[in-house]
Amino acid sequence: SAISVSSQSTLTIDGDDVTVKADFTYGSHQFSTDSSRA
């Protein structure tokens, strides 16, 4: 994940111009499982 939120934390995304993204592959690299999360 790009950002992970756990039990004692609070996260607010406030604004249309914020982008959070995650990739499964980049360049010549590719991972064995498709578990990318924003």
Full PDB file with SEQRES, HELIX, SHEET, SSBOND, CRYST1, ORIGX, SCALE, CONECT and MASTER records, all heavy atoms in Angstrom:
SEQRES   1 A   38  SER ALA ILE SER VAL SER SER GLN SER THR LEU THR ILE          
SEQRES   2 A   38  ASP GLY ASP ASP VAL THR VAL LYS ALA ASP PHE THR TYR          
SEQRES   3 A   38  GLY SER HIS GLN PHE SER THR ASP SER SER ARG ALA              
CRYST1    1.000    1.000    1.000  90.00  90.00  90.00 P 1           1          
ORIGX1      1.000000  0.000000  0.000000        0.00000                         
ORIGX2      0.000000  1.000000  0.000000        0.00000                         
ORIGX3      0.000000  0.000000  1.000000        0.00000                         
SCALE1      1.000000  0.000000  0.000000        0.00000                         
SCALE2      0.000000  1.000000  0.000000        0.00000                         
SCALE3      0.000000  0.000000  1.000000        0.00000                         
ATOM      1  N   SER A   1       0.822  -1.209   0.000  1.00  0.00           N  
ATOM      2  CA  SER A   1       0.000   0.000   0.000  1.00  0.00           C  
ATOM      3  C   SER A   1       0.856   1.260   0.000  1.00  0.00           C  
ATOM      4  O   SER A   1       1.928   1.294   0.605  1.00  0.00           O  
ATOM      5  CB  SER A   1      -0.896   0.028   1.247  1.00  0.00           C  
ATOM      6  OG  SER A   1      -1.609  -1.172   1.373  1.00  0.00           O  
ATOM      7  N   ALA A   2       0.339   2.292  -0.660  1.00  0.00           N  
ATOM      8  CA  ALA A   2       0.998   3.586  -0.555  1.00  0.00           C  
ATOM      9  C   ALA A   2       0.868   4.120   0.873  1.00  0.00           C  
ATOM     10  O   ALA A   2       1.828   4.617   1.451  1.00  0.00           O  
ATOM     11  CB  ALA A   2       0.403   4.566  -1.559  1.00  0.00           C  
ATOM     12  N   ILE A   3      -0.334   3.992   1.450  1.00  0.00           N  
ATOM     13  CA  ILE A   3      -0.588   4.433   2.829  1.00  0.00           C  
ATOM     14  C   ILE A   3      -1.335   3.325   3.561  1.00  0.00           C  
ATOM     15  O   ILE A   3      -2.305   2.773   3.039  1.00  0.00           O  
ATOM     16  CB  ILE A   3      -1.431   5.719   2.881  1.00  0.00           C  
ATOM     17  CG1 ILE A   3      -0.810   6.827   2.014  1.00  0.00           C  
ATOM     18  CG2 ILE A   3      -1.577   6.213   4.324  1.00  0.00           C  
ATOM     19  CD1 ILE A   3      -1.668   8.069   1.894  1.00  0.00           C  
ATOM     20  N   SER A   4      -0.890   3.011   4.770  1.00  0.00           N  
ATOM     21  CA  SER A   4      -1.620   2.050   5.600  1.00  0.00           C  
ATOM     22  C   SER A   4      -2.101   2.744   6.866  1.00  0.00           C  
ATOM     23  O   SER A   4      -1.392   3.569   7.443  1.00  0.00           O  
ATOM     24  CB  SER A   4      -0.732   0.854   5.961  1.00  0.00           C  
ATOM     25  OG  SER A   4       0.329   1.244   6.809  1.00  0.00           O  
ATOM     26  N   VAL A   5      -3.317   2.415   7.282  1.00  0.00           N  
ATOM     27  CA  VAL A   5      -3.935   3.014   8.462  1.00  0.00           C  
ATOM     28  C   VAL A   5      -4.187   1.900   9.476  1.00  0.00           C  
ATOM     29  O   VAL A   5      -4.803   0.888   9.145  1.00  0.00           O  
ATOM     30  CB  VAL A   5      -5.266   3.707   8.114  1.00  0.00           C  
ATOM     31  CG1 VAL A   5      -5.862   4.386   9.341  1.00  0.00           C  
ATOM     32  CG2 VAL A   5      -5.058   4.717   6.981  1.00  0.00           C  
ATOM     33  N   SER A   6      -3.719   2.091  10.719  1.00  0.00           N  
ATOM     34  CA  SER A   6      -3.880   1.053  11.741  1.00  0.00           C  
ATOM     35  C   SER A   6      -4.744   1.560  12.892  1.00  0.00           C  
ATOM     36  O   SER A   6      -5.237   2.693  12.879  1.00  0.00           O  
ATOM     37  CB  SER A   6      -2.513   0.593  12.257  1.00  0.00           C  
ATOM     38  OG  SER A   6      -1.795   1.678  12.801  1.00  0.00           O  
ATOM     39  N   SER A   7      -4.904   0.739  13.917  1.00  0.00           N  
ATOM     40  CA  SER A   7      -5.951   0.920  14.920  1.00  0.00           C  
ATOM     41  C   SER A   7      -5.879   2.213  15.728  1.00  0.00           C  
ATOM     42  O   SER A   7      -6.895   2.703  16.194  1.00  0.00           O  
ATOM     43  CB  SER A   7      -5.952  -0.266  15.885  1.00  0.00           C  
ATOM     44  OG  SER A   7      -4.702  -0.369  16.544  1.00  0.00           O  
ATOM     45  N   GLN A   8      -4.711   2.777  15.934  1.00  0.00           N  
ATOM     46  CA  GLN A   8      -4.594   3.968  16.769  1.00  0.00           C  
ATOM     47  C   GLN A   8      -4.375   5.242  15.955  1.00  0.00           C  
ATOM     48  O   GLN A   8      -3.881   6.236  16.473  1.00  0.00           O  
ATOM     49  CB  GLN A   8      -3.446   3.800  17.762  1.00  0.00           C  
ATOM     50  CG  GLN A   8      -3.612   2.616  18.703  1.00  0.00           C  
ATOM     51  CD  GLN A   8      -2.499   2.538  19.721  1.00  0.00           C  
ATOM     52  OE1 GLN A   8      -2.345   3.407  20.581  1.00  0.00           O  
ATOM     53  NE2 GLN A   8      -1.708   1.488  19.630  1.00  0.00           N  
ATOM     54  N   SER A   9      -4.756   5.215  14.704  1.00  0.00           N  
ATOM     55  CA  SER A   9      -4.477   6.361  13.838  1.00  0.00           C  
ATOM     56  C   SER A   9      -5.724   6.825  13.096  1.00  0.00           C  
ATOM     57  O   SER A   9      -6.674   6.071  12.898  1.00  0.00           O  
ATOM     58  CB  SER A   9      -3.382   6.003  12.829  1.00  0.00           C  
ATOM     59  OG  SER A   9      -3.771   4.897  12.037  1.00  0.00           O  
ATOM     60  N   THR A  10      -5.689   8.077  12.683  1.00  0.00           N  
ATOM     61  CA  THR A  10      -6.765   8.683  11.897  1.00  0.00           C  
ATOM     62  C   THR A  10      -6.163   9.387  10.697  1.00  0.00           C  
ATOM     63  O   THR A  10      -5.265  10.217  10.838  1.00  0.00           O  
ATOM     64  CB  THR A  10      -7.556   9.706  12.736  1.00  0.00           C  
ATOM     65  OG1 THR A  10      -8.178   9.048  13.837  1.00  0.00           O  
ATOM     66  CG2 THR A  10      -8.627  10.387  11.892  1.00  0.00           C  
ATOM     67  N   LEU A  11      -6.636   9.050   9.520  1.00  0.00           N  
ATOM     68  CA  LEU A  11      -6.152   9.663   8.282  1.00  0.00           C  
ATOM     69  C   LEU A  11      -7.303  10.338   7.565  1.00  0.00           C  
ATOM     70  O   LEU A  11      -8.368   9.738   7.376  1.00  0.00           O  
ATOM     71  CB  LEU A  11      -5.529   8.613   7.367  1.00  0.00           C  
ATOM     72  CG  LEU A  11      -5.138   9.097   5.951  1.00  0.00           C  
ATOM     73  CD1 LEU A  11      -4.005  10.127   6.025  1.00  0.00           C  
ATOM     74  CD2 LEU A  11      -4.749   7.926   5.064  1.00  0.00           C  
ATOM     75  N   THR A  12      -7.093  11.587   7.162  1.00  0.00           N  
ATOM     76  CA  THR A  12      -8.069  12.321   6.358  1.00  0.00           C  
ATOM     77  C   THR A  12      -7.405  12.777   5.073  1.00  0.00           C  
ATOM     78  O   THR A  12      -6.328  13.394   5.111  1.00  0.00           O  
ATOM     79  CB  THR A  12      -8.614  13.544   7.110  1.00  0.00           C  
ATOM     80  OG1 THR A  12      -9.239  13.121   8.320  1.00  0.00           O  
ATOM     81  CG2 THR A  12      -9.623  14.300   6.266  1.00  0.00           C  
ATOM     82  N   ILE A  13      -8.010  12.464   3.942  1.00  0.00           N  
ATOM     83  CA  ILE A  13      -7.585  13.000   2.649  1.00  0.00           C  
ATOM     84  C   ILE A  13      -8.535  14.137   2.326  1.00  0.00           C  
ATOM     85  O   ILE A  13      -9.729  13.913   2.138  1.00  0.00           O  
ATOM     86  CB  ILE A  13      -7.620  11.942   1.537  1.00  0.00           C  
ATOM     87  CG1 ILE A  13      -6.828  10.693   1.935  1.00  0.00           C  
ATOM     88  CG2 ILE A  13      -7.106  12.531   0.235  1.00  0.00           C  
ATOM     89  CD1 ILE A  13      -5.347  10.903   2.072  1.00  0.00           C  
ATOM     90  N   ASP A  14      -8.028  15.349   2.280  1.00  0.00           N  
ATOM     91  CA  ASP A  14      -8.879  16.528   2.166  1.00  0.00           C  
ATOM     92  C   ASP A  14      -8.496  17.336   0.935  1.00  0.00           C  
ATOM     93  O   ASP A  14      -7.598  18.170   0.986  1.00  0.00           O  
ATOM     94  CB  ASP A  14      -8.756  17.381   3.431  1.00  0.00           C  
ATOM     95  CG  ASP A  14      -9.793  18.491   3.492  1.00  0.00           C  
ATOM     96  OD1 ASP A  14     -10.690  18.498   2.619  1.00  0.00           O  
ATOM     97  OD2 ASP A  14      -9.713  19.338   4.390  1.00  0.00           O  
ATOM     98  N   GLY A  15      -9.169  17.072  -0.178  1.00  0.00           N  
ATOM     99  CA  GLY A  15      -8.906  17.873  -1.372  1.00  0.00           C  
ATOM    100  C   GLY A  15      -8.949  17.049  -2.640  1.00  0.00           C  
ATOM    101  O   GLY A  15      -8.467  15.913  -2.679  1.00  0.00           O  
ATOM    102  N   ASP A  16      -9.544  17.626  -3.702  1.00  0.00           N  
ATOM    103  CA  ASP A  16      -9.669  16.928  -4.975  1.00  0.00           C  
ATOM    104  C   ASP A  16      -8.344  16.780  -5.700  1.00  0.00           C  
ATOM    105  O   ASP A  16      -8.237  15.985  -6.643  1.00  0.00           O  
ATOM    106  CB  ASP A  16     -10.657  17.683  -5.880  1.00  0.00           C  
ATOM    107  CG  ASP A  16     -12.078  17.627  -5.343  1.00  0.00           C  
ATOM    108  OD1 ASP A  16     -12.393  16.662  -4.610  1.00  0.00           O  
ATOM    109  OD2 ASP A  16     -12.862  18.548  -5.639  1.00  0.00           O  
ATOM    110  N   ASP A  17      -7.330  17.539  -5.311  1.00  0.00           N  
ATOM    111  CA  ASP A  17      -6.060  17.530  -6.031  1.00  0.00           C  
ATOM    112  C   ASP A  17      -5.045  16.554  -5.446  1.00  0.00           C  
ATOM    113  O   ASP A  17      -3.903  16.506  -5.892  1.00  0.00           O  
ATOM    114  CB  ASP A  17      -5.448  18.939  -6.047  1.00  0.00           C  
ATOM    115  CG  ASP A  17      -6.299  19.918  -6.845  1.00  0.00           C  
ATOM    116  OD1 ASP A  17      -6.912  19.488  -7.840  1.00  0.00           O  
ATOM    117  OD2 ASP A  17      -6.336  21.107  -6.487  1.00  0.00           O  
ATOM    118  N   VAL A  18      -5.444  15.783  -4.429  1.00  0.00           N  
ATOM    119  CA  VAL A  18      -4.562  14.771  -3.857  1.00  0.00           C  
ATOM    120  C   VAL A  18      -4.710  13.476  -4.656  1.00  0.00           C  
ATOM    121  O   VAL A  18      -5.821  13.016  -4.911  1.00  0.00           O  
ATOM    122  CB  VAL A  18      -4.892  14.503  -2.377  1.00  0.00           C  
ATOM    123  CG1 VAL A  18      -4.026  13.372  -1.827  1.00  0.00           C  
ATOM    124  CG2 VAL A  18      -4.701  15.765  -1.549  1.00  0.00           C  
ATOM    125  N   THR A  19      -3.580  12.890  -5.044  1.00  0.00           N  
ATOM    126  CA  THR A  19      -3.583  11.608  -5.758  1.00  0.00           C  
ATOM    127  C   THR A  19      -2.771  10.597  -4.969  1.00  0.00           C  
ATOM    128  O   THR A  19      -1.639  10.875  -4.558  1.00  0.00           O  
ATOM    129  CB  THR A  19      -2.982  11.750  -7.171  1.00  0.00           C  
ATOM    130  OG1 THR A  19      -3.780  12.655  -7.940  1.00  0.00           O  
ATOM    131  CG2 THR A  19      -2.942  10.400  -7.881  1.00  0.00           C  
ATOM    132  N   VAL A  20      -3.356   9.415  -4.742  1.00  0.00           N  
ATOM    133  CA  VAL A  20      -2.652   8.311  -4.092  1.00  0.00           C  
ATOM    134  C   VAL A  20      -2.721   7.120  -5.035  1.00  0.00           C  
ATOM    135  O   VAL A  20      -3.822   6.691  -5.408  1.00  0.00           O  
ATOM    136  CB  VAL A  20      -3.276   7.948  -2.727  1.00  0.00           C  
ATOM    137  CG1 VAL A  20      -2.462   6.838  -2.060  1.00  0.00           C  
ATOM    138  CG2 VAL A  20      -3.346   9.173  -1.824  1.00  0.00           C  
ATOM    139  N   LYS A  21      -1.569   6.608  -5.437  1.00  0.00           N  
ATOM    140  CA  LYS A  21      -1.592   5.509  -6.404  1.00  0.00           C  
ATOM    141  C   LYS A  21      -0.521   4.477  -6.094  1.00  0.00           C  
ATOM    142  O   LYS A  21       0.476   4.758  -5.436  1.00  0.00           O  
ATOM    143  CB  LYS A  21      -1.417   6.038  -7.833  1.00  0.00           C  
ATOM    144  CG  LYS A  21      -0.082   6.707  -8.118  1.00  0.00           C  
ATOM    145  CD  LYS A  21      -0.029   7.173  -9.565  1.00  0.00           C  
ATOM    146  CE  LYS A  21       1.319   7.794  -9.917  1.00  0.00           C  
ATOM    147  NZ  LYS A  21       1.402   8.180 -11.339  1.00  0.00           N  
ATOM    148  N   ALA A  22      -0.765   3.245  -6.574  1.00  0.00           N  
ATOM    149  CA  ALA A  22       0.158   2.140  -6.353  1.00  0.00           C  
ATOM    150  C   ALA A  22       0.287   1.342  -7.649  1.00  0.00           C  
ATOM    151  O   ALA A  22      -0.673   1.201  -8.405  1.00  0.00           O  
ATOM    152  CB  ALA A  22      -0.342   1.242  -5.227  1.00  0.00           C  
ATOM    153  N   ASP A  23       1.481   0.807  -7.896  1.00  0.00           N  
ATOM    154  CA  ASP A  23       1.744   0.023  -9.094  1.00  0.00           C  
ATOM    155  C   ASP A  23       2.088  -1.415  -8.736  1.00  0.00           C  
ATOM    156  O   ASP A  23       2.618  -1.697  -7.660  1.00  0.00           O  
ATOM    157  CB  ASP A  23       2.911   0.622  -9.883  1.00  0.00           C  
ATOM    158  CG  ASP A  23       2.452   1.710 -10.834  1.00  0.00           C  
ATOM    159  OD1 ASP A  23       1.236   1.820 -11.048  1.00  0.00           O  
ATOM    160  OD2 ASP A  23       3.305   2.442 -11.355  1.00  0.00           O  
ATOM    161  N   PHE A  24       1.800  -2.299  -9.677  1.00  0.00           N  
ATOM    162  CA  PHE A  24       2.178  -3.696  -9.549  1.00  0.00           C  
ATOM    163  C   PHE A  24       3.489  -3.947 -10.273  1.00  0.00           C  
ATOM    164  O   PHE A  24       4.274  -4.809  -9.918  1.00  0.00           O  
ATOM    165  CB  PHE A  24       1.053  -4.564 -10.122  1.00  0.00           C  
ATOM    166  CG  PHE A  24       1.377  -6.033 -10.240  1.00  0.00           C  
ATOM    167  CD1 PHE A  24       1.883  -6.738  -9.159  1.00  0.00           C  
ATOM    168  CD2 PHE A  24       1.159  -6.703 -11.423  1.00  0.00           C  
ATOM    169  CE1 PHE A  24       2.173  -8.087  -9.263  1.00  0.00           C  
ATOM    170  CE2 PHE A  24       1.438  -8.055 -11.532  1.00  0.00           C  
ATOM    171  CZ  PHE A  24       1.948  -8.741 -10.457  1.00  0.00           C  
ATOM    172  N   THR A  25       3.729  -3.194 -11.305  1.00  0.00           N  
ATOM    173  CA  THR A  25       4.974  -3.311 -12.057  1.00  0.00           C  
ATOM    174  C   THR A  25       5.559  -1.931 -12.266  1.00  0.00           C  
ATOM    175  O   THR A  25       4.859  -0.919 -12.278  1.00  0.00           O  
ATOM    176  CB  THR A  25       4.736  -3.940 -13.443  1.00  0.00           C  
ATOM    177  OG1 THR A  25       3.852  -3.095 -14.188  1.00  0.00           O  
ATOM    178  CG2 THR A  25       4.139  -5.324 -13.322  1.00  0.00           C  
ATOM    179  N   TYR A  26       6.863  -1.875 -12.398  1.00  0.00           N  
ATOM    180  CA  TYR A  26       7.531  -0.629 -12.754  1.00  0.00           C  
ATOM    181  C   TYR A  26       8.821  -0.994 -13.446  1.00  0.00           C  
ATOM    182  O   TYR A  26       9.533  -1.913 -13.054  1.00  0.00           O  
ATOM    183  CB  TYR A  26       7.788   0.237 -11.519  1.00  0.00           C  
ATOM    184  CG  TYR A  26       8.772  -0.368 -10.556  1.00  0.00           C  
ATOM    185  CD1 TYR A  26      10.110   0.002 -10.582  1.00  0.00           C  
ATOM    186  CD2 TYR A  26       8.362  -1.324  -9.625  1.00  0.00           C  
ATOM    187  CE1 TYR A  26      11.017  -0.568  -9.705  1.00  0.00           C  
ATOM    188  CE2 TYR A  26       9.257  -1.894  -8.759  1.00  0.00           C  
ATOM    189  CZ  TYR A  26      10.586  -1.516  -8.794  1.00  0.00           C  
ATOM    190  OH  TYR A  26      11.485  -2.085  -7.942  1.00  0.00           O  
ATOM    191  N   GLY A  27       9.107  -0.307 -14.529  1.00  0.00           N  
ATOM    192  CA  GLY A  27      10.332  -0.596 -15.269  1.00  0.00           C  
ATOM    193  C   GLY A  27      10.366  -2.056 -15.697  1.00  0.00           C  
ATOM    194  O   GLY A  27       9.418  -2.593 -16.265  1.00  0.00           O  
ATOM    195  N   SER A  28      11.451  -2.740 -15.384  1.00  0.00           N  
ATOM    196  CA  SER A  28      11.612  -4.148 -15.744  1.00  0.00           C  
ATOM    197  C   SER A  28      11.205  -5.084 -14.618  1.00  0.00           C  
ATOM    198  O   SER A  28      11.328  -6.296 -14.726  1.00  0.00           O  
ATOM    199  CB  SER A  28      13.075  -4.424 -16.117  1.00  0.00           C  
ATOM    200  OG  SER A  28      13.928  -4.149 -15.007  1.00  0.00           O  
ATOM    201  N   HIS A  29      10.703  -4.531 -13.499  1.00  0.00           N  
ATOM    202  CA  HIS A  29      10.370  -5.334 -12.332  1.00  0.00           C  
ATOM    203  C   HIS A  29       8.882  -5.688 -12.317  1.00  0.00           C  
ATOM    204  O   HIS A  29       8.030  -4.889 -12.657  1.00  0.00           O  
ATOM    205  CB  HIS A  29      10.716  -4.579 -11.048  1.00  0.00           C  
ATOM    206  CG  HIS A  29      12.135  -4.118 -11.004  1.00  0.00           C  
ATOM    207  ND1 HIS A  29      13.205  -4.977 -10.902  1.00  0.00           N  
ATOM    208  CD2 HIS A  29      12.669  -2.879 -11.064  1.00  0.00           C  
ATOM    209  CE1 HIS A  29      14.324  -4.291 -10.896  1.00  0.00           C  
ATOM    210  NE2 HIS A  29      14.029  -3.012 -11.009  1.00  0.00           N  
ATOM    211  N   GLN A  30       8.579  -6.901 -11.893  1.00  0.00           N  
ATOM    212  CA  GLN A  30       7.193  -7.315 -11.712  1.00  0.00           C  
ATOM    213  C   GLN A  30       7.135  -8.267 -10.526  1.00  0.00           C  
ATOM    214  O   GLN A  30       7.958  -9.167 -10.397  1.00  0.00           O  
ATOM    215  CB  GLN A  30       6.641  -8.006 -12.960  1.00  0.00           C  
ATOM    216  CG  GLN A  30       5.183  -8.440 -12.794  1.00  0.00           C  
ATOM    217  CD  GLN A  30       4.543  -8.819 -14.118  1.00  0.00           C  
ATOM    218  OE1 GLN A  30       4.860  -8.258 -15.143  1.00  0.00           O  
ATOM    219  NE2 GLN A  30       3.635  -9.765 -14.088  1.00  0.00           N  
ATOM    220  N   PHE A  31       6.156  -8.061  -9.653  1.00  0.00           N  
ATOM    221  CA  PHE A  31       6.052  -8.880  -8.456  1.00  0.00           C  
ATOM    222  C   PHE A  31       5.150 -10.079  -8.701  1.00  0.00           C  
ATOM    223  O   PHE A  31       4.347 -10.108  -9.634  1.00  0.00           O  
ATOM    224  CB  PHE A  31       5.542  -8.034  -7.285  1.00  0.00           C  
ATOM    225  CG  PHE A  31       6.511  -6.965  -6.883  1.00  0.00           C  
ATOM    226  CD1 PHE A  31       6.344  -5.645  -7.290  1.00  0.00           C  
ATOM    227  CD2 PHE A  31       7.626  -7.277  -6.125  1.00  0.00           C  
ATOM    228  CE1 PHE A  31       7.251  -4.673  -6.938  1.00  0.00           C  
ATOM    229  CE2 PHE A  31       8.539  -6.313  -5.762  1.00  0.00           C  
ATOM    230  CZ  PHE A  31       8.355  -5.000  -6.160  1.00  0.00           C  
ATOM    231  N   SER A  32       5.275 -11.075  -7.821  1.00  0.00           N  
ATOM    232  CA  SER A  32       4.606 -12.353  -8.040  1.00  0.00           C  
ATOM    233  C   SER A  32       3.126 -12.326  -7.699  1.00  0.00           C  
ATOM    234  O   SER A  32       2.376 -13.189  -8.138  1.00  0.00           O  
ATOM    235  CB  SER A  32       5.299 -13.441  -7.211  1.00  0.00           C  
ATOM    236  OG  SER A  32       5.283 -13.096  -5.830  1.00  0.00           O  
ATOM    237  N   THR A  33       2.688 -11.363  -6.905  1.00  0.00           N  
ATOM    238  CA  THR A  33       1.272 -11.264  -6.554  1.00  0.00           C  
ATOM    239  C   THR A  33       0.762  -9.855  -6.798  1.00  0.00           C  
ATOM    240  O   THR A  33       1.498  -8.884  -6.650  1.00  0.00           O  
ATOM    241  CB  THR A  33       1.040 -11.623  -5.072  1.00  0.00           C  
ATOM    242  OG1 THR A  33       1.861 -10.786  -4.249  1.00  0.00           O  
ATOM    243  CG2 THR A  33       1.396 -13.069  -4.806  1.00  0.00           C  
ATOM    244  N   ASP A  34      -0.497  -9.761  -7.171  1.00  0.00           N  
ATOM    245  CA  ASP A  34      -1.070  -8.456  -7.526  1.00  0.00           C  
ATOM    246  C   ASP A  34      -1.712  -7.820  -6.298  1.00  0.00           C  
ATOM    247  O   ASP A  34      -2.924  -7.765  -6.174  1.00  0.00           O  
ATOM    248  CB  ASP A  34      -2.081  -8.601  -8.657  1.00  0.00           C  
ATOM    249  CG  ASP A  34      -3.174  -9.598  -8.334  1.00  0.00           C  
ATOM    250  OD1 ASP A  34      -3.001 -10.355  -7.370  1.00  0.00           O  
ATOM    251  OD2 ASP A  34      -4.188  -9.585  -9.040  1.00  0.00           O  
ATOM    252  N   SER A  35      -0.896  -7.338  -5.394  1.00  0.00           N  
ATOM    253  CA  SER A  35      -1.436  -6.815  -4.132  1.00  0.00           C  
ATOM    254  C   SER A  35      -1.115  -5.345  -3.923  1.00  0.00           C  
ATOM    255  O   SER A  35      -0.903  -4.910  -2.803  1.00  0.00           O  
ATOM    256  CB  SER A  35      -0.905  -7.635  -2.948  1.00  0.00           C  
ATOM    257  OG  SER A  35       0.503  -7.611  -2.937  1.00  0.00           O  
ATOM    258  N   SER A  36      -1.048  -4.595  -4.991  1.00  0.00           N  
ATOM    259  CA  SER A  36      -0.839  -3.162  -4.831  1.00  0.00           C  
ATOM    260  C   SER A  36      -2.138  -2.501  -4.383  1.00  0.00           C  
ATOM    261  O   SER A  36      -3.221  -2.843  -4.841  1.00  0.00           O  
ATOM    262  CB  SER A  36      -0.340  -2.533  -6.138  1.00  0.00           C  
ATOM    263  OG  SER A  36      -1.310  -2.672  -7.151  1.00  0.00           O  
ATOM    264  N   ARG A  37      -2.032  -1.568  -3.427  1.00  0.00           N  
ATOM    265  CA  ARG A  37      -3.191  -0.835  -2.926  1.00  0.00           C  
ATOM    266  C   ARG A  37      -2.820   0.625  -2.743  1.00  0.00           C  
ATOM    267  O   ARG A  37      -1.706   0.928  -2.300  1.00  0.00           O  
ATOM    268  CB  ARG A  37      -3.654  -1.379  -1.561  1.00  0.00           C  
ATOM    269  CG  ARG A  37      -4.351  -2.703  -1.600  1.00  0.00           C  
ATOM    270  CD  ARG A  37      -3.419  -3.855  -1.361  1.00  0.00           C  
ATOM    271  NE  ARG A  37      -2.920  -3.865   0.013  1.00  0.00           N  
ATOM    272  CZ  ARG A  37      -1.873  -4.617   0.402  1.00  0.00           C  
ATOM    273  NH1 ARG A  37      -1.230  -5.364  -0.463  1.00  0.00           N  
ATOM    274  NH2 ARG A  37      -1.478  -4.608   1.655  1.00  0.00           N  
ATOM    275  N   ALA A  38      -3.740   1.507  -3.063  1.00  0.00           N  
ATOM    276  CA  ALA A  38      -3.489   2.920  -2.790  1.00  0.00           C  
ATOM    277  C   ALA A  38      -3.521   3.146  -1.280  1.00  0.00           C  
ATOM    278  O   ALA A  38      -2.596   3.702  -0.697  1.00  0.00           O  
ATOM    279  CB  ALA A  38      -4.500   3.803  -3.495  1.00  0.00           C  
TER     280      ALA A  38                                                      
MASTER        0    0    0    0    0    0    0    6  279    1    0    3          
END                                                                             
